[in-house]
C-alpha atoms as a PDB file:
ATOM      1  CA  MET A   1     148.406   2.581 -33.446  1.00  0.00           C
ATOM      2  CA  HIS A   2     149.166   5.604 -35.382  1.00  0.00           C
ATOM      3  CA  ASP A   3     153.018   5.639 -34.252  1.00  0.00           C
ATOM      4  CA  GLN A   4     153.576   2.146 -35.621  1.00  0.00           C
ATOM      5  CA  LEU A   5     151.970   3.011 -38.834  1.00  0.00           C
ATOM      6  CA  ILE A   6     153.886   6.119 -39.207  1.00  0.00           C
ATOM      7  CA  SER A   7     157.148   4.356 -38.320  1.00  0.00           C
ATOM      8  CA  ASP A   8     156.202   1.554 -41.125  1.00  0.00           C
ATOM      9  CA  ILE A   9     155.598   4.117 -43.519  1.00  0.00           C
ATOM     10  CA  ILE A  10     158.686   5.958 -42.778  1.00  0.00           C
ATOM     11  CA  SER A  11     160.567   2.805 -43.637  1.00  0.00           C
ATOM     12  CA  ASP A  12     158.803   2.595 -46.933  1.00  0.00           C
ATOM     13  CA  VAL A  13     159.455   6.253 -48.020  1.00  0.00           C
ATOM     14  CA  ARG A  14     163.173   6.191 -47.084  1.00  0.00           C
ATOM     15  CA  GLU A  15     163.681   3.389 -49.269  1.00  0.00           C
ATOM     16  CA  ARG A  16     161.795   4.913 -52.184  1.00  0.00           C
ATOM     17  CA  MET A  17     163.363   8.417 -52.119  1.00  0.00           C
ATOM     18  CA  SER A  18     165.733   9.151 -54.913  1.00  0.00           C
ATOM     19  CA  GLY A  19     166.781  12.180 -56.926  1.00  0.00           C
ATOM     20  CA  ASP A  20     169.612  14.761 -55.904  1.00  0.00           C
ATOM     21  CA  SER A  21     170.311  15.729 -52.276  1.00  0.00           C
ATOM     22  CA  SER A  22     167.750  18.537 -52.328  1.00  0.00           C
ATOM     23  CA  HIS A  23     164.829  16.448 -52.803  1.00  0.00           C
ATOM     24  CA  ASP A  24     166.161  13.374 -50.777  1.00  0.00           C
ATOM     25  CA  TRP A  25     164.786  11.524 -47.730  1.00  0.00           C
ATOM     26  CA  TRP A  26     166.393  14.297 -45.365  1.00  0.00           C
ATOM     27  CA  HIS A  27     164.281  16.944 -47.151  1.00  0.00           C
ATOM     28  CA  VAL A  28     161.012  14.788 -46.527  1.00  0.00           C
ATOM     29  CA  TRP A  29     162.322  14.287 -42.724  1.00  0.00           C
ATOM     30  CA  ARG A  30     162.751  17.895 -42.197  1.00  0.00           C
ATOM     31  CA  VAL A  31     159.284  18.768 -43.734  1.00  0.00           C
ATOM     32  CA  TRP A  32     157.781  16.013 -41.590  1.00  0.00           C
ATOM     33  CA  GLN A  33     159.478  17.510 -38.339  1.00  0.00           C
ATOM     34  CA  MET A  34     158.532  20.940 -39.285  1.00  0.00           C
ATOM     35  CA  ALA A  35     155.053  20.111 -40.009  1.00  0.00           C
ATOM     36  CA  LYS A  36     154.437  18.626 -36.955  1.00  0.00           C
ATOM     37  CA  ARG A  37     155.633  21.452 -34.994  1.00  0.00           C
ATOM     38  CA  ILE A  38     153.293  23.734 -37.098  1.00  0.00           C
ATOM     39  CA  ALA A  39     150.310  21.424 -36.916  1.00  0.00           C
ATOM     40  CA  VAL A  40     150.560  21.431 -33.041  1.00  0.00           C
ATOM     41  CA  GLU A  41     150.446  25.332 -32.912  1.00  0.00           C
ATOM     42  CA  GLU A  42     147.884  25.566 -35.416  1.00  0.00           C
ATOM     43  CA  LYS A  43     145.546  22.765 -34.042  1.00  0.00           C
ATOM     44  CA  ALA A  44     145.429  20.752 -37.418  1.00  0.00           C
ATOM     45  CA  ASP A  45     144.914  16.880 -37.652  1.00  0.00           C
ATOM     46  CA  LEU A  46     148.450  15.741 -36.826  1.00  0.00           C
ATOM     47  CA  PHE A  47     147.979  12.413 -38.617  1.00  0.00           C
ATOM     48  CA  VAL A  48     146.902  13.666 -41.528  1.00  0.00           C
ATOM     49  CA  VAL A  49     149.703  16.523 -41.547  1.00  0.00           C
ATOM     50  CA  GLU A  50     152.290  13.738 -40.788  1.00  0.00           C
ATOM     51  CA  LEU A  51     151.012  11.473 -43.734  1.00  0.00           C
ATOM     52  CA  GLY A  52     150.987  14.623 -45.968  1.00  0.00           C
ATOM     53  CA  ALA A  53     154.562  15.578 -44.952  1.00  0.00           C
ATOM     54  CA  LEU A  54     155.931  11.921 -45.630  1.00  0.00           C
ATOM     55  CA  MET A  55     153.980  11.747 -48.935  1.00  0.00           C
ATOM     56  CA  HIS A  56     154.521  15.305 -50.502  1.00  0.00           C
ATOM     57  CA  ASP A  57     157.637  14.390 -52.545  1.00  0.00           C
ATOM     58  CA  ILE A  58     157.261  10.779 -52.833  1.00  0.00           C
ATOM     59  CA  ALA A  59     157.265  11.149 -56.829  1.00  0.00           C
ATOM     60  CA  ASP A  60     158.054  14.631 -57.424  1.00  0.00           C
ATOM     61  CA  TRP A  61     157.159  16.060 -60.924  1.00  0.00           C
ATOM     62  CA  LYS A  62     160.429  17.340 -61.499  1.00  0.00           C
ATOM     63  CA  PHE A  63     162.081  14.012 -61.510  1.00  0.00           C
ATOM     64  CA  HIS A  64     159.132  12.403 -63.514  1.00  0.00           C
ATOM     65  CA  GLY A  65     159.212  14.440 -66.551  1.00  0.00           C
ATOM     66  CA  GLY A  66     156.801  16.983 -65.459  1.00  0.00           C
ATOM     67  CA  ASP A  67     154.110  14.505 -64.754  1.00  0.00           C
ATOM     68  CA  GLU A  68     152.063  16.120 -61.729  1.00  0.00           C
ATOM     69  CA  SER A  69     149.786  12.987 -61.366  1.00  0.00           C
ATOM     70  CA  VAL A  70     152.439  10.551 -60.416  1.00  0.00           C
ATOM     71  CA  GLY A  71     152.647  11.903 -56.732  1.00  0.00           C
ATOM     72  CA  PRO A  72     149.254  11.676 -55.955  1.00  0.00           C
ATOM     73  CA  ARG A  73     148.964   8.172 -57.497  1.00  0.00           C
ATOM     74  CA  VAL A  74     152.050   6.591 -55.829  1.00  0.00           C
ATOM     75  CA  ALA A  75     150.918   8.194 -52.549  1.00  0.00           C
ATOM     76  CA  GLY A  76     147.764   6.465 -52.814  1.00  0.00           C
ATOM     77  CA  GLU A  77     149.239   3.275 -53.498  1.00  0.00           C
ATOM     78  CA  ILE A  78     151.636   3.300 -50.420  1.00  0.00           C
ATOM     79  CA  LEU A  79     148.915   4.413 -47.798  1.00  0.00           C
ATOM     80  CA  ALA A  80     146.563   1.781 -49.186  1.00  0.00           C
ATOM     81  CA  ALA A  81     149.059  -0.737 -48.947  1.00  0.00           C
ATOM     82  CA  HIS A  82     149.367   0.065 -45.257  1.00  0.00           C
ATOM     83  CA  GLY A  83     145.747  -0.082 -44.688  1.00  0.00           C
ATOM     84  CA  VAL A  84     145.277   3.795 -44.160  1.00  0.00           C
ATOM     85  CA  ASP A  85     141.587   4.751 -44.385  1.00  0.00           C
ATOM     86  CA  PRO A  86     140.393   5.717 -47.769  1.00  0.00           C
ATOM     87  CA  ASP A  87     138.902   9.148 -46.474  1.00  0.00           C
ATOM     88  CA  VAL A  88     142.508   9.826 -45.105  1.00  0.00           C
ATOM     89  CA  ILE A  89     144.202   8.659 -48.169  1.00  0.00           C
ATOM     90  CA  ALA A  90     142.050  11.146 -50.214  1.00  0.00           C
ATOM     91  CA  ARG A  91     142.982  14.079 -48.017  1.00  0.00           C
ATOM     92  CA  VAL A  92     146.454  13.124 -48.106  1.00  0.00           C
ATOM     93  CA  GLN A  93     146.422  13.017 -51.877  1.00  0.00           C
ATOM     94  CA  ASP A  94     144.943  16.494 -52.159  1.00  0.00           C
ATOM     95  CA  ILE A  95     147.928  17.893 -50.327  1.00  0.00           C
ATOM     96  CA  VAL A  96     150.407  16.250 -52.534  1.00  0.00           C
ATOM     97  CA  ALA A  97     148.523  17.131 -55.673  1.00  0.00           C
ATOM     98  CA  THR A  98     148.473  20.875 -54.600  1.00  0.00           C
ATOM     99  CA  ILE A  99     151.520  21.790 -52.436  1.00  0.00           C
ATOM    100  CA  SER A 100     153.884  22.705 -55.332  1.00  0.00           C
ATOM    101  CA  TYR A 101     155.024  26.255 -56.104  1.00  0.00           C
ATOM    102  CA  LYS A 102     154.230  26.975 -59.606  1.00  0.00           C
ATOM    103  CA  GLY A 103     155.684  30.318 -60.192  1.00  0.00           C
ATOM    104  CA  ALA A 104     155.680  34.098 -59.097  1.00  0.00           C
ATOM    105  CA  GLY A 105     152.419  34.744 -60.768  1.00  0.00           C
ATOM    106  CA  VAL A 106     150.549  31.519 -59.936  1.00  0.00           C
ATOM    107  CA  ALA A 107     148.408  31.216 -56.833  1.00  0.00           C
ATOM    108  CA  THR A 108     148.793  27.822 -54.989  1.00  0.00           C
ATOM    109  CA  PRO A 109     146.155  27.929 -52.349  1.00  0.00           C
ATOM    110  CA  MET A 110     145.608  24.481 -50.147  1.00  0.00           C
ATOM    111  CA  ASN A 111     142.144  23.264 -49.466  1.00  0.00           C
ATOM    112  CA  THR A 112     142.703  22.268 -45.923  1.00  0.00           C
ATOM    113  CA  ARG A 113     144.468  23.491 -42.973  1.00  0.00           C
ATOM    114  CA  GLU A 114     146.568  20.274 -42.699  1.00  0.00           C
ATOM    115  CA  GLY A 115     147.706  21.074 -46.401  1.00  0.00           C
ATOM    116  CA  GLU A 116     148.536  24.675 -45.233  1.00  0.00           C
ATOM    117  CA  CYS A 117     150.677  23.220 -42.670  1.00  0.00           C
ATOM    118  CA  VAL A 118     152.676  20.890 -45.104  1.00  0.00           C
ATOM    119  CA  GLN A 119     153.054  23.425 -47.630  1.00  0.00           C
ATOM    120  CA  ASP A 120     154.518  25.986 -44.841  1.00  0.00           C
ATOM    121  CA  ALA A 121     157.074  23.370 -43.568  1.00  0.00           C
ATOM    122  CA  ASP A 122     158.035  22.629 -47.357  1.00  0.00           C
ATOM    123  CA  ARG A 123     158.385  26.002 -48.075  1.00  0.00           C
ATOM    124  CA  LEU A 124     160.244  26.953 -44.883  1.00  0.00           C
ATOM    125  CA  ASP A 125     162.896  24.179 -46.226  1.00  0.00           C
ATOM    126  CA  ALA A 126     163.323  26.223 -49.232  1.00  0.00           C
ATOM    127  CA  THR A 127     164.518  28.989 -47.405  1.00  0.00           C
ATOM    128  CA  GLY A 128     167.221  30.099 -44.845  1.00  0.00           C
ATOM    129  CA  ALA A 129     170.554  28.074 -44.817  1.00  0.00           C
ATOM    130  CA  ILE A 130     168.989  24.935 -46.027  1.00  0.00           C
ATOM    131  CA  GLY A 131     167.072  26.510 -48.680  1.00  0.00           C
ATOM    132  CA  ILE A 132     170.335  28.123 -50.022  1.00  0.00           C
ATOM    133  CA  ALA A 133     172.127  24.586 -49.895  1.00  0.00           C
ATOM    134  CA  ARG A 134     169.094  22.786 -51.700  1.00  0.00           C
ATOM    135  CA  CYS A 135     169.044  25.731 -54.228  1.00  0.00           C
ATOM    136  CA  PHE A 136     172.579  25.167 -55.310  1.00  0.00           C
ATOM    137  CA  ALA A 137     172.382  21.393 -55.011  1.00  0.00           C
ATOM    138  CA  TYR A 138     169.503  21.326 -57.438  1.00  0.00           C
ATOM    139  CA  GLY A 139     171.063  23.742 -59.859  1.00  0.00           C
ATOM    140  CA  GLY A 140     174.129  21.539 -59.861  1.00  0.00           C
ATOM    141  CA  HIS A 141     171.948  18.401 -60.555  1.00  0.00           C
ATOM    142  CA  LYS A 142     170.386  20.194 -63.304  1.00  0.00           C
ATOM    143  CA  GLY A 143     173.607  21.379 -64.829  1.00  0.00           C
ATOM    144  CA  ARG A 144     172.850  25.048 -64.144  1.00  0.00           C
ATOM    145  CA  ASN A 145     175.355  28.003 -63.770  1.00  0.00           C
ATOM    146  CA  ILE A 146     175.507  29.581 -60.263  1.00  0.00           C
ATOM    147  CA  TYR A 147     175.250  33.145 -61.511  1.00  0.00           C
ATOM    148  CA  GLU A 148     175.015  34.823 -64.774  1.00  0.00           C
ATOM    149  CA  PRO A 149     174.821  38.541 -64.463  1.00  0.00           C
ATOM    150  CA  ASP A 150     173.314  39.351 -67.713  1.00  0.00           C
ATOM    151  CA  ASP A 151     170.839  36.457 -67.311  1.00  0.00           C
ATOM    152  CA  LYS A 152     168.003  38.395 -65.274  1.00  0.00           C
ATOM    153  CA  PRO A 153     165.432  36.460 -63.125  1.00  0.00           C
ATOM    154  CA  ILE A 154     161.887  35.882 -64.556  1.00  0.00           C
ATOM    155  CA  LEU A 155     158.851  36.430 -62.561  1.00  0.00           C
ATOM    156  CA  HIS A 156     156.886  33.269 -64.189  1.00  0.00           C
ATOM    157  CA  THR A 157     153.136  33.898 -64.808  1.00  0.00           C
ATOM    158  CA  ASP A 158     152.238  30.407 -65.532  1.00  0.00           C
ATOM    159  CA  LYS A 159     153.389  26.970 -64.262  1.00  0.00           C
ATOM    160  CA  SER A 160     154.589  25.774 -67.679  1.00  0.00           C
ATOM    161  CA  ALA A 161     157.301  28.572 -67.721  1.00  0.00           C
ATOM    162  CA  TYR A 162     158.208  27.994 -64.401  1.00  0.00           C
ATOM    163  CA  LYS A 163     158.650  24.209 -64.720  1.00  0.00           C
ATOM    164  CA  ASN A 164     160.632  24.770 -68.179  1.00  0.00           C
ATOM    165  CA  SER A 165     162.890  27.237 -66.517  1.00  0.00           C
ATOM    166  CA  THR A 166     166.700  26.817 -67.051  1.00  0.00           C
ATOM    167  CA  GLY A 167     168.151  29.957 -65.448  1.00  0.00           C
ATOM    168  CA  PRO A 168     171.329  30.149 -62.939  1.00  0.00           C
ATOM    169  CA  SER A 169     170.711  29.007 -59.470  1.00  0.00           C
ATOM    170  CA  VAL A 170     171.230  32.850 -58.156  1.00  0.00           C
ATOM    171  CA  ASN A 171     168.035  33.653 -60.241  1.00  0.00           C
ATOM    172  CA  HIS A 172     166.013  31.205 -58.224  1.00  0.00           C
ATOM    173  CA  PHE A 173     166.316  33.327 -55.344  1.00  0.00           C
ATOM    174  CA  TYR A 174     164.172  36.093 -56.867  1.00  0.00           C
ATOM    175  CA  GLU A 175     161.772  33.644 -58.907  1.00  0.00           C
ATOM    176  CA  LYS A 176     160.853  31.711 -55.667  1.00  0.00           C
ATOM    177  CA  LEU A 177     162.732  31.741 -52.372  1.00  0.00           C
ATOM    178  CA  LEU A 178     162.535  35.114 -51.654  1.00  0.00           C
ATOM    179  CA  LEU A 179     158.854  35.360 -52.507  1.00  0.00           C
ATOM    180  CA  LEU A 180     157.978  32.520 -49.847  1.00  0.00           C
ATOM    181  CA  LYS A 181     157.966  34.722 -46.948  1.00  0.00           C
ATOM    182  CA  ASP A 182     154.840  36.530 -47.955  1.00  0.00           C
ATOM    183  CA  ARG A 183     153.116  33.193 -49.426  1.00  0.00           C
ATOM    184  CA  MET A 184     153.164  31.402 -45.893  1.00  0.00           C
ATOM    185  CA  ASN A 185     149.634  30.308 -44.687  1.00  0.00           C
ATOM    186  CA  THR A 186     149.979  30.076 -40.947  1.00  0.00           C
ATOM    187  CA  GLY A 187     150.904  32.513 -38.413  1.00  0.00           C
ATOM    188  CA  THR A 188     153.500  30.127 -36.973  1.00  0.00           C
ATOM    189  CA  ALA A 189     155.180  29.673 -40.174  1.00  0.00           C
ATOM    190  CA  LYS A 190     155.076  33.612 -40.986  1.00  0.00           C
ATOM    191  CA  LYS A 191     156.940  34.245 -37.998  1.00  0.00           C
ATOM    192  CA  MET A 192     159.489  31.672 -38.655  1.00  0.00           C
ATOM    193  CA  ALA A 193     160.150  32.785 -42.229  1.00  0.00           C
ATOM    194  CA  GLU A 194     161.372  36.218 -41.231  1.00  0.00           C
ATOM    195  CA  ALA A 195     164.710  34.952 -39.924  1.00  0.00           C
ATOM    196  CA  ARG A 196     165.100  32.878 -42.918  1.00  0.00           C
ATOM    197  CA  HIS A 197     164.372  35.534 -45.222  1.00  0.00           C
ATOM    198  CA  ALA A 198     166.806  37.863 -43.683  1.00  0.00           C
ATOM    199  CA  PHE A 199     169.636  35.333 -43.858  1.00  0.00           C
ATOM    200  CA  MET A 200     169.036  34.816 -47.580  1.00  0.00           C
ATOM    201  CA  GLU A 201     169.037  38.559 -48.010  1.00  0.00           C
ATOM    202  CA  ALA A 202     172.269  38.848 -46.065  1.00  0.00           C
ATOM    203  CA  TYR A 203     173.635  35.790 -48.148  1.00  0.00           C
ATOM    204  CA  LEU A 204     173.032  37.276 -51.365  1.00  0.00           C
ATOM    205  CA  ALA A 205     174.673  40.665 -50.035  1.00  0.00           C
ATOM    206  CA  GLU A 206     177.676  38.715 -49.363  1.00  0.00           C
ATOM    207  CA  PHE A 207     177.579  36.847 -52.673  1.00  0.00           C
ATOM    208  CA  TYR A 208     177.712  39.796 -54.727  1.00  0.00           C
ATOM    209  CA  GLU A 209     180.314  41.643 -52.710  1.00  0.00           C
ATOM    210  CA  GLU A 210     182.657  38.394 -53.161  1.00  0.00           C
ATOM    211  CA  TRP A 211     181.459  38.195 -56.939  1.00  0.00           C
ATOM    212  CA  GLU A 212     182.874  41.772 -57.439  1.00  0.00           C
ATOM    213  CA  GLY A 213     185.917  41.067 -55.600  1.00  0.00           C
ATOM    214  CA  LYS A 214     185.159  43.666 -52.799  1.00  0.00           C
ATOM    215  CA  ARG A 215     185.677  41.271 -50.003  1.00  0.00           C
END
């Protein structure tokens, strides 16, 4: 029963996803796959985790004028249309409402183990090789420069400052991506984050060597 429901919701979500390639259907697909893996290891409610992963970016505030209420509302509408139990819908909406990173100095705790699994999966997709690709894809979408040596990263202390940031893409590594390893919730994700974090550090080292014409 759940398999058919998940399949139907996937079809719906895939049709609705838009935005640049950093926040498209394939980002959702990767988070869904990773969240399932983490959920099994962490013994979380797999059904809630799957729905949370599939809904987590359905109406991302970054593409809706900064409105953080759109995502939970749209997720609720979609799940209700597919006949999902209201209690499950509420649990998924809570995940959608609280999952986003909001700045280096802003705590973003999840309220459930299921939420932690989805948040970790989403954060893992913002690291490593995929995270690097997504970082520059989003920067290009927003018309941001790749790197400006005199434009230093800012460790934002409130979500408004983070949401309104316009710095170059390389700054985003220091403002978010390199911080995620230590902000994973589950033991499973913490282990996986190590290699991805190391890859980003190696990439940046190479980037600066090439930028300075040393390679």
